[in-house]
Amino acid sequence: SFFQTNSLGAEVLYDKAREYMGDVEGNVIFDLY
């Protein structure tokens, strides 16, 4: 399975992704790759 090789670092990365995305309520999001 593909999974980030640094689990705790992945939490930093994905938390930052949520912050960057901001308010996505009601959005259809394409997660490509």
PDB file of all heavy atoms in Angstrom:
ATOM      1  N   SER A   1       0.843  -1.202   0.000  1.00  0.00           N
ATOM      2  CA  SER A   1       0.000   0.000   0.000  1.00  0.00           C
ATOM      3  C   SER A   1       0.874   1.246   0.000  1.00  0.00           C
ATOM      4  O   SER A   1       1.864   1.310   0.733  1.00  0.00           O
ATOM      5  CB  SER A   1      -0.875   0.039   1.253  1.00  0.00           C
ATOM      6  OG  SER A   1      -1.813  -0.997   1.264  1.00  0.00           O
ATOM      7  N   PHE A   2       0.438   2.263  -0.794  1.00  0.00           N
ATOM      8  CA  PHE A   2       1.140   3.538  -0.675  1.00  0.00           C
ATOM      9  C   PHE A   2       0.661   4.221   0.602  1.00  0.00           C
ATOM     10  O   PHE A   2      -0.529   4.397   0.823  1.00  0.00           O
ATOM     11  CB  PHE A   2       0.880   4.469  -1.859  1.00  0.00           C
ATOM     12  CG  PHE A   2       1.452   5.845  -1.607  1.00  0.00           C
ATOM     13  CD1 PHE A   2       2.814   6.059  -1.745  1.00  0.00           C
ATOM     14  CD2 PHE A   2       0.653   6.884  -1.161  1.00  0.00           C
ATOM     15  CE1 PHE A   2       3.367   7.307  -1.454  1.00  0.00           C
ATOM     16  CE2 PHE A   2       1.190   8.137  -0.873  1.00  0.00           C
ATOM     17  CZ  PHE A   2       2.547   8.335  -1.021  1.00  0.00           C
ATOM     18  N   PHE A   3       1.609   4.613   1.437  1.00  0.00           N
ATOM     19  CA  PHE A   3       1.305   5.335   2.665  1.00  0.00           C
ATOM     20  C   PHE A   3       2.544   6.137   3.000  1.00  0.00           C
ATOM     21  O   PHE A   3       3.670   5.663   2.828  1.00  0.00           O
ATOM     22  CB  PHE A   3       0.977   4.346   3.797  1.00  0.00           C
ATOM     23  CG  PHE A   3       0.263   4.959   4.958  1.00  0.00           C
ATOM     24  CD1 PHE A   3      -1.103   5.177   4.912  1.00  0.00           C
ATOM     25  CD2 PHE A   3       0.953   5.329   6.109  1.00  0.00           C
ATOM     26  CE1 PHE A   3      -1.778   5.750   5.987  1.00  0.00           C
ATOM     27  CE2 PHE A   3       0.296   5.901   7.181  1.00  0.00           C
ATOM     28  CZ  PHE A   3      -1.080   6.105   7.120  1.00  0.00           C
ATOM     29  N   GLN A   4       2.349   7.367   3.445  1.00  0.00           N
ATOM     30  CA  GLN A   4       3.505   8.210   3.758  1.00  0.00           C
ATOM     31  C   GLN A   4       4.434   7.486   4.734  1.00  0.00           C
ATOM     32  O   GLN A   4       3.977   6.891   5.709  1.00  0.00           O
ATOM     33  CB  GLN A   4       3.042   9.531   4.371  1.00  0.00           C
ATOM     34  CG  GLN A   4       2.346  10.452   3.380  1.00  0.00           C
ATOM     35  CD  GLN A   4       3.301  11.149   2.425  1.00  0.00           C
ATOM     36  OE1 GLN A   4       4.509  10.917   2.447  1.00  0.00           O
ATOM     37  NE2 GLN A   4       2.769  11.994   1.574  1.00  0.00           N
ATOM     38  N   THR A   5       5.749   7.548   4.477  1.00  0.00           N
ATOM     39  CA  THR A   5       6.709   6.787   5.278  1.00  0.00           C
ATOM     40  C   THR A   5       6.997   7.406   6.642  1.00  0.00           C
ATOM     41  O   THR A   5       7.710   6.820   7.450  1.00  0.00           O
ATOM     42  CB  THR A   5       8.036   6.620   4.512  1.00  0.00           C
ATOM     43  OG1 THR A   5       8.511   7.901   4.121  1.00  0.00           O
ATOM     44  CG2 THR A   5       7.841   5.748   3.280  1.00  0.00           C
ATOM     45  N   ASN A   6       6.451   8.588   6.893  1.00  0.00           N
ATOM     46  CA  ASN A   6       6.599   9.255   8.188  1.00  0.00           C
ATOM     47  C   ASN A   6       5.189   9.571   8.680  1.00  0.00           C
ATOM     48  O   ASN A   6       4.592  10.571   8.281  1.00  0.00           O
ATOM     49  CB  ASN A   6       7.440  10.526   8.036  1.00  0.00           C
ATOM     50  CG  ASN A   6       7.637  11.283   9.339  1.00  0.00           C
ATOM     51  OD1 ASN A   6       6.972  11.035  10.333  1.00  0.00           O
ATOM     52  ND2 ASN A   6       8.563  12.236   9.329  1.00  0.00           N
ATOM     53  N   SER A   7       4.634   8.725   9.543  1.00  0.00           N
ATOM     54  CA  SER A   7       3.232   8.875   9.958  1.00  0.00           C
ATOM     55  C   SER A   7       2.985  10.198  10.676  1.00  0.00           C
ATOM     56  O   SER A   7       2.007  10.903  10.400  1.00  0.00           O
ATOM     57  CB  SER A   7       2.823   7.711  10.865  1.00  0.00           C
ATOM     58  OG  SER A   7       2.936   6.478  10.196  1.00  0.00           O
ATOM     59  N   LEU A   8       3.861  10.553  11.615  1.00  0.00           N
ATOM     60  CA  LEU A   8       3.667  11.793  12.361  1.00  0.00           C
ATOM     61  C   LEU A   8       3.884  13.012  11.466  1.00  0.00           C
ATOM     62  O   LEU A   8       3.198  14.029  11.591  1.00  0.00           O
ATOM     63  CB  LEU A   8       4.598  11.843  13.567  1.00  0.00           C
ATOM     64  CG  LEU A   8       4.426  10.704  14.583  1.00  0.00           C
ATOM     65  CD1 LEU A   8       5.396  10.887  15.746  1.00  0.00           C
ATOM     66  CD2 LEU A   8       2.996  10.649  15.104  1.00  0.00           C
ATOM     67  N   GLY A   9       4.837  12.904  10.552  1.00  0.00           N
ATOM     68  CA  GLY A   9       5.049  13.976   9.583  1.00  0.00           C
ATOM     69  C   GLY A   9       3.857  14.122   8.649  1.00  0.00           C
ATOM     70  O   GLY A   9       3.509  15.237   8.237  1.00  0.00           O
ATOM     71  N   ALA A  10       3.210  12.992   8.309  1.00  0.00           N
ATOM     72  CA  ALA A  10       2.030  13.034   7.445  1.00  0.00           C
ATOM     73  C   ALA A  10       0.902  13.818   8.109  1.00  0.00           C
ATOM     74  O   ALA A  10       0.141  14.520   7.435  1.00  0.00           O
ATOM     75  CB  ALA A  10       1.578  11.620   7.109  1.00  0.00           C
ATOM     76  N   GLU A  11       0.810  13.711   9.428  1.00  0.00           N
ATOM     77  CA  GLU A  11      -0.219  14.481  10.120  1.00  0.00           C
ATOM     78  C   GLU A  11       0.035  15.978   9.983  1.00  0.00           C
ATOM     79  O   GLU A  11      -0.904  16.759   9.812  1.00  0.00           O
ATOM     80  CB  GLU A  11      -0.270  14.082  11.599  1.00  0.00           C
ATOM     81  CG  GLU A  11      -0.818  12.682  11.825  1.00  0.00           C
ATOM     82  CD  GLU A  11      -1.118  12.402  13.282  1.00  0.00           C
ATOM     83  OE1 GLU A  11      -0.282  12.755  14.142  1.00  0.00           O
ATOM     84  OE2 GLU A  11      -2.182  11.821  13.554  1.00  0.00           O
ATOM     85  N   VAL A  12       1.297  16.385  10.042  1.00  0.00           N
ATOM     86  CA  VAL A  12       1.645  17.794   9.834  1.00  0.00           C
ATOM     87  C   VAL A  12       1.254  18.221   8.417  1.00  0.00           C
ATOM     88  O   VAL A  12       0.649  19.277   8.195  1.00  0.00           O
ATOM     89  CB  VAL A  12       3.151  18.029  10.063  1.00  0.00           C
ATOM     90  CG1 VAL A  12       3.548  19.461   9.702  1.00  0.00           C
ATOM     91  CG2 VAL A  12       3.528  17.726  11.509  1.00  0.00           C
ATOM     92  N   LEU A  13       1.602  17.385   7.446  1.00  0.00           N
ATOM     93  CA  LEU A  13       1.332  17.687   6.039  1.00  0.00           C
ATOM     94  C   LEU A  13      -0.167  17.787   5.766  1.00  0.00           C
ATOM     95  O   LEU A  13      -0.639  18.754   5.151  1.00  0.00           O
ATOM     96  CB  LEU A  13       1.953  16.595   5.163  1.00  0.00           C
ATOM     97  CG  LEU A  13       1.795  16.753   3.650  1.00  0.00           C
ATOM     98  CD1 LEU A  13       2.602  17.948   3.146  1.00  0.00           C
ATOM     99  CD2 LEU A  13       2.236  15.480   2.930  1.00  0.00           C
ATOM    100  N   TYR A  14      -0.939  16.809   6.240  1.00  0.00           N
ATOM    101  CA  TYR A  14      -2.370  16.792   5.944  1.00  0.00           C
ATOM    102  C   TYR A  14      -3.131  17.840   6.754  1.00  0.00           C
ATOM    103  O   TYR A  14      -4.140  18.368   6.294  1.00  0.00           O
ATOM    104  CB  TYR A  14      -2.933  15.391   6.197  1.00  0.00           C
ATOM    105  CG  TYR A  14      -2.349  14.333   5.284  1.00  0.00           C
ATOM    106  CD1 TYR A  14      -2.246  13.004   5.685  1.00  0.00           C
ATOM    107  CD2 TYR A  14      -1.886  14.663   4.012  1.00  0.00           C
ATOM    108  CE1 TYR A  14      -1.705  12.045   4.849  1.00  0.00           C
ATOM    109  CE2 TYR A  14      -1.334  13.716   3.176  1.00  0.00           C
ATOM    110  CZ  TYR A  14      -1.245  12.399   3.593  1.00  0.00           C
ATOM    111  OH  TYR A  14      -0.708  11.453   2.762  1.00  0.00           O
ATOM    112  N   ASP A  15      -2.642  18.143   7.940  1.00  0.00           N
ATOM    113  CA  ASP A  15      -3.256  19.222   8.709  1.00  0.00           C
ATOM    114  C   ASP A  15      -3.052  20.550   7.985  1.00  0.00           C
ATOM    115  O   ASP A  15      -3.945  21.405   7.949  1.00  0.00           O
ATOM    116  CB  ASP A  15      -2.643  19.268  10.109  1.00  0.00           C
ATOM    117  CG  ASP A  15      -3.472  20.088  11.076  1.00  0.00           C
ATOM    118  OD1 ASP A  15      -4.700  19.900  11.109  1.00  0.00           O
ATOM    119  OD2 ASP A  15      -2.902  20.937  11.783  1.00  0.00           O
ATOM    120  N   LYS A  16      -1.862  20.714   7.405  1.00  0.00           N
ATOM    121  CA  LYS A  16      -1.587  21.921   6.626  1.00  0.00           C
ATOM    122  C   LYS A  16      -2.474  21.953   5.371  1.00  0.00           C
ATOM    123  O   LYS A  16      -2.962  23.017   4.963  1.00  0.00           O
ATOM    124  CB  LYS A  16      -0.108  21.964   6.244  1.00  0.00           C
ATOM    125  CG  LYS A  16       0.341  23.219   5.523  1.00  0.00           C
ATOM    126  CD  LYS A  16       0.091  24.487   6.320  1.00  0.00           C
ATOM    127  CE  LYS A  16       0.851  24.538   7.633  1.00  0.00           C
ATOM    128  NZ  LYS A  16       0.702  25.868   8.286  1.00  0.00           N
ATOM    129  N   ALA A  17      -2.722  20.789   4.776  1.00  0.00           N
ATOM    130  CA  ALA A  17      -3.603  20.711   3.603  1.00  0.00           C
ATOM    131  C   ALA A  17      -5.008  21.178   3.961  1.00  0.00           C
ATOM    132  O   ALA A  17      -5.631  21.945   3.213  1.00  0.00           O
ATOM    133  CB  ALA A  17      -3.637  19.278   3.065  1.00  0.00           C
ATOM    134  N   ARG A  18      -5.519  20.739   5.118  1.00  0.00           N
ATOM    135  CA  ARG A  18      -6.848  21.168   5.552  1.00  0.00           C
ATOM    136  C   ARG A  18      -6.881  22.689   5.774  1.00  0.00           C
ATOM    137  O   ARG A  18      -7.851  23.357   5.439  1.00  0.00           O
ATOM    138  CB  ARG A  18      -7.250  20.449   6.843  1.00  0.00           C
ATOM    139  CG  ARG A  18      -7.605  19.000   6.636  1.00  0.00           C
ATOM    140  CD  ARG A  18      -8.369  18.412   7.802  1.00  0.00           C
ATOM    141  NE  ARG A  18      -7.639  18.439   9.061  1.00  0.00           N
ATOM    142  CZ  ARG A  18      -7.928  17.640  10.086  1.00  0.00           C
ATOM    143  NH1 ARG A  18      -8.903  16.740   9.984  1.00  0.00           N
ATOM    144  NH2 ARG A  18      -7.244  17.713  11.218  1.00  0.00           N
ATOM    145  N   GLU A  19      -5.795  23.195   6.369  1.00  0.00           N
ATOM    146  CA  GLU A  19      -5.717  24.642   6.613  1.00  0.00           C
ATOM    147  C   GLU A  19      -5.740  25.420   5.299  1.00  0.00           C
ATOM    148  O   GLU A  19      -6.456  26.422   5.167  1.00  0.00           O
ATOM    149  CB  GLU A  19      -4.445  24.962   7.393  1.00  0.00           C
ATOM    150  CG  GLU A  19      -4.221  26.438   7.658  1.00  0.00           C
ATOM    151  CD  GLU A  19      -2.828  26.720   8.198  1.00  0.00           C
ATOM    152  OE1 GLU A  19      -2.354  25.942   9.063  1.00  0.00           O
ATOM    153  OE2 GLU A  19      -2.207  27.712   7.747  1.00  0.00           O
ATOM    154  N   TYR A  20      -4.952  24.970   4.315  1.00  0.00           N
ATOM    155  CA  TYR A  20      -4.887  25.648   3.027  1.00  0.00           C
ATOM    156  C   TYR A  20      -6.232  25.613   2.302  1.00  0.00           C
ATOM    157  O   TYR A  20      -6.618  26.576   1.640  1.00  0.00           O
ATOM    158  CB  TYR A  20      -3.822  24.996   2.140  1.00  0.00           C
ATOM    159  CG  TYR A  20      -2.414  25.497   2.365  1.00  0.00           C
ATOM    160  CD1 TYR A  20      -2.037  26.100   3.558  1.00  0.00           C
ATOM    161  CD2 TYR A  20      -1.446  25.348   1.380  1.00  0.00           C
ATOM    162  CE1 TYR A  20      -0.739  26.537   3.762  1.00  0.00           C
ATOM    163  CE2 TYR A  20      -0.138  25.784   1.575  1.00  0.00           C
ATOM    164  CZ  TYR A  20       0.206  26.375   2.763  1.00  0.00           C
ATOM    165  OH  TYR A  20       1.485  26.813   2.954  1.00  0.00           O
ATOM    166  N   MET A  21      -6.935  24.480   2.408  1.00  0.00           N
ATOM    167  CA  MET A  21      -8.200  24.327   1.695  1.00  0.00           C
ATOM    168  C   MET A  21      -9.268  25.246   2.265  1.00  0.00           C
ATOM    169  O   MET A  21     -10.173  25.681   1.559  1.00  0.00           O
ATOM    170  CB  MET A  21      -8.668  22.873   1.776  1.00  0.00           C
ATOM    171  CG  MET A  21      -7.753  21.895   1.071  1.00  0.00           C
ATOM    172  SD  MET A  21      -7.764  22.088  -0.700  1.00  0.00           S
ATOM    173  CE  MET A  21      -9.212  21.151  -1.110  1.00  0.00           C
ATOM    174  N   GLY A  22      -9.179  25.532   3.571  1.00  0.00           N
ATOM    175  CA  GLY A  22     -10.163  26.428   4.178  1.00  0.00           C
ATOM    176  C   GLY A  22     -11.552  25.818   4.197  1.00  0.00           C
ATOM    177  O   GLY A  22     -11.721  24.605   4.377  1.00  0.00           O
ATOM    178  N   ASP A  23     -12.553  26.639   3.981  1.00  0.00           N
ATOM    179  CA  ASP A  23     -13.950  26.203   4.035  1.00  0.00           C
ATOM    180  C   ASP A  23     -14.322  25.488   2.733  1.00  0.00           C
ATOM    181  O   ASP A  23     -14.408  26.114   1.676  1.00  0.00           O
ATOM    182  CB  ASP A  23     -14.858  27.416   4.248  1.00  0.00           C
ATOM    183  CG  ASP A  23     -16.323  27.013   4.389  1.00  0.00           C
ATOM    184  OD1 ASP A  23     -16.598  25.805   4.493  1.00  0.00           O
ATOM    185  OD2 ASP A  23     -17.185  27.913   4.393  1.00  0.00           O
ATOM    186  N   VAL A  24     -14.524  24.178   2.806  1.00  0.00           N
ATOM    187  CA  VAL A  24     -14.911  23.402   1.625  1.00  0.00           C
ATOM    188  C   VAL A  24     -16.301  22.790   1.808  1.00  0.00           C
ATOM    189  O   VAL A  24     -16.670  21.852   1.111  1.00  0.00           O
ATOM    190  CB  VAL A  24     -13.878  22.290   1.312  1.00  0.00           C
ATOM    191  CG1 VAL A  24     -12.571  22.895   0.844  1.00  0.00           C
ATOM    192  CG2 VAL A  24     -13.655  21.386   2.516  1.00  0.00           C
ATOM    193  N   GLU A  25     -17.063  23.331   2.727  1.00  0.00           N
ATOM    194  CA  GLU A  25     -18.414  22.825   2.951  1.00  0.00           C
ATOM    195  C   GLU A  25     -19.234  22.985   1.668  1.00  0.00           C
ATOM    196  O   GLU A  25     -19.258  24.043   1.045  1.00  0.00           O
ATOM    197  CB  GLU A  25     -19.091  23.585   4.090  1.00  0.00           C
ATOM    198  CG  GLU A  25     -20.450  23.014   4.461  1.00  0.00           C
ATOM    199  CD  GLU A  25     -21.074  23.728   5.648  1.00  0.00           C
ATOM    200  OE1 GLU A  25     -20.396  24.608   6.230  1.00  0.00           O
ATOM    201  OE2 GLU A  25     -22.212  23.403   5.996  1.00  0.00           O
ATOM    202  N   GLY A  26     -19.878  21.888   1.268  1.00  0.00           N
ATOM    203  CA  GLY A  26     -20.670  21.898   0.044  1.00  0.00           C
ATOM    204  C   GLY A  26     -19.859  21.685  -1.217  1.00  0.00           C
ATOM    205  O   GLY A  26     -20.406  21.644  -2.317  1.00  0.00           O
ATOM    206  N   ASN A  27     -18.513  21.529  -1.083  1.00  0.00           N
ATOM    207  CA  ASN A  27     -17.643  21.343  -2.256  1.00  0.00           C
ATOM    208  C   ASN A  27     -17.576  19.888  -2.690  1.00  0.00           C
ATOM    209  O   ASN A  27     -17.580  18.968  -1.868  1.00  0.00           O
ATOM    210  CB  ASN A  27     -16.222  21.805  -1.946  1.00  0.00           C
ATOM    211  CG  ASN A  27     -16.011  23.306  -2.111  1.00  0.00           C
ATOM    212  OD1 ASN A  27     -14.896  23.743  -2.300  1.00  0.00           O
ATOM    213  ND2 ASN A  27     -17.066  24.092  -2.033  1.00  0.00           N
ATOM    214  N   VAL A  28     -17.468  19.699  -4.010  1.00  0.00           N
ATOM    215  CA  VAL A  28     -17.057  18.413  -4.582  1.00  0.00           C
ATOM    216  C   VAL A  28     -15.556  18.514  -4.836  1.00  0.00           C
ATOM    217  O   VAL A  28     -15.102  19.408  -5.571  1.00  0.00           O
ATOM    218  CB  VAL A  28     -17.802  18.110  -5.895  1.00  0.00           C
ATOM    219  CG1 VAL A  28     -17.235  16.845  -6.544  1.00  0.00           C
ATOM    220  CG2 VAL A  28     -19.300  17.949  -5.643  1.00  0.00           C
ATOM    221  N   ILE A  29     -14.795  17.637  -4.190  1.00  0.00           N
ATOM    222  CA  ILE A  29     -13.333  17.684  -4.288  1.00  0.00           C
ATOM    223  C   ILE A  29     -12.830  16.492  -5.086  1.00  0.00           C
ATOM    224  O   ILE A  29     -13.220  15.349  -4.828  1.00  0.00           O
ATOM    225  CB  ILE A  29     -12.693  17.672  -2.891  1.00  0.00           C
ATOM    226  CG1 ILE A  29     -13.165  18.886  -2.083  1.00  0.00           C
ATOM    227  CG2 ILE A  29     -11.164  17.666  -2.998  1.00  0.00           C
ATOM    228  CD1 ILE A  29     -12.687  18.874  -0.642  1.00  0.00           C
ATOM    229  N   PHE A  30     -11.995  16.747  -6.075  1.00  0.00           N
ATOM    230  CA  PHE A  30     -11.286  15.681  -6.784  1.00  0.00           C
ATOM    231  C   PHE A  30      -9.926  15.488  -6.105  1.00  0.00           C
ATOM    232  O   PHE A  30      -9.145  16.445  -6.004  1.00  0.00           O
ATOM    233  CB  PHE A  30     -11.055  16.038  -8.248  1.00  0.00           C
ATOM    234  CG  PHE A  30     -12.247  15.793  -9.145  1.00  0.00           C
ATOM    235  CD1 PHE A  30     -13.488  15.463  -8.624  1.00  0.00           C
ATOM    236  CD2 PHE A  30     -12.118  15.899 -10.527  1.00  0.00           C
ATOM    237  CE1 PHE A  30     -14.584  15.236  -9.459  1.00  0.00           C
ATOM    238  CE2 PHE A  30     -13.198  15.685 -11.364  1.00  0.00           C
ATOM    239  CZ  PHE A  30     -14.437  15.348 -10.830  1.00  0.00           C
ATOM    240  N   ASP A  31      -9.652  14.274  -5.631  1.00  0.00           N
ATOM    241  CA  ASP A  31      -8.343  13.916  -5.084  1.00  0.00           C
ATOM    242  C   ASP A  31      -7.653  13.042  -6.118  1.00  0.00           C
ATOM    243  O   ASP A  31      -7.917  11.840  -6.209  1.00  0.00           O
ATOM    244  CB  ASP A  31      -8.514  13.178  -3.751  1.00  0.00           C
ATOM    245  CG  ASP A  31      -7.189  12.766  -3.130  1.00  0.00           C
ATOM    246  OD1 ASP A  31      -6.130  13.221  -3.624  1.00  0.00           O
ATOM    247  OD2 ASP A  31      -7.193  11.963  -2.175  1.00  0.00           O
ATOM    248  N   LEU A  32      -6.807  13.646  -6.932  1.00  0.00           N
ATOM    249  CA  LEU A  32      -6.178  12.937  -8.046  1.00  0.00           C
ATOM    250  C   LEU A  32      -4.810  12.408  -7.629  1.00  0.00           C
ATOM    251  O   LEU A  32      -4.041  13.108  -6.995  1.00  0.00           O
ATOM    252  CB  LEU A  32      -6.061  13.877  -9.248  1.00  0.00           C
ATOM    253  CG  LEU A  32      -7.389  14.532  -9.680  1.00  0.00           C
ATOM    254  CD1 LEU A  32      -7.173  15.427 -10.893  1.00  0.00           C
ATOM    255  CD2 LEU A  32      -8.461  13.484  -9.961  1.00  0.00           C
ATOM    256  N   TYR A  33      -4.528  11.158  -8.030  1.00  0.00           N
ATOM    257  CA  TYR A  33      -3.380  10.393  -7.542  1.00  0.00           C
ATOM    258  C   TYR A  33      -3.594  10.147  -6.044  1.00  0.00           C
ATOM    259  O   TYR A  33      -2.752  10.498  -5.211  1.00  0.00           O
ATOM    260  CB  TYR A  33      -2.060  11.114  -7.811  1.00  0.00           C
ATOM    261  CG  TYR A  33      -1.910  11.584  -9.243  1.00  0.00           C
ATOM    262  CD1 TYR A  33      -2.226  12.888  -9.611  1.00  0.00           C
ATOM    263  CD2 TYR A  33      -1.465  10.713 -10.236  1.00  0.00           C
ATOM    264  CE1 TYR A  33      -2.103  13.321 -10.922  1.00  0.00           C
ATOM    265  CE2 TYR A  33      -1.339  11.146 -11.560  1.00  0.00           C
ATOM    266  CZ  TYR A  33      -1.654  12.449 -11.896  1.00  0.00           C
ATOM    267  OH  TYR A  33      -1.536  12.866 -13.191  1.00  0.00           O
TER     268      TYR A  33
END
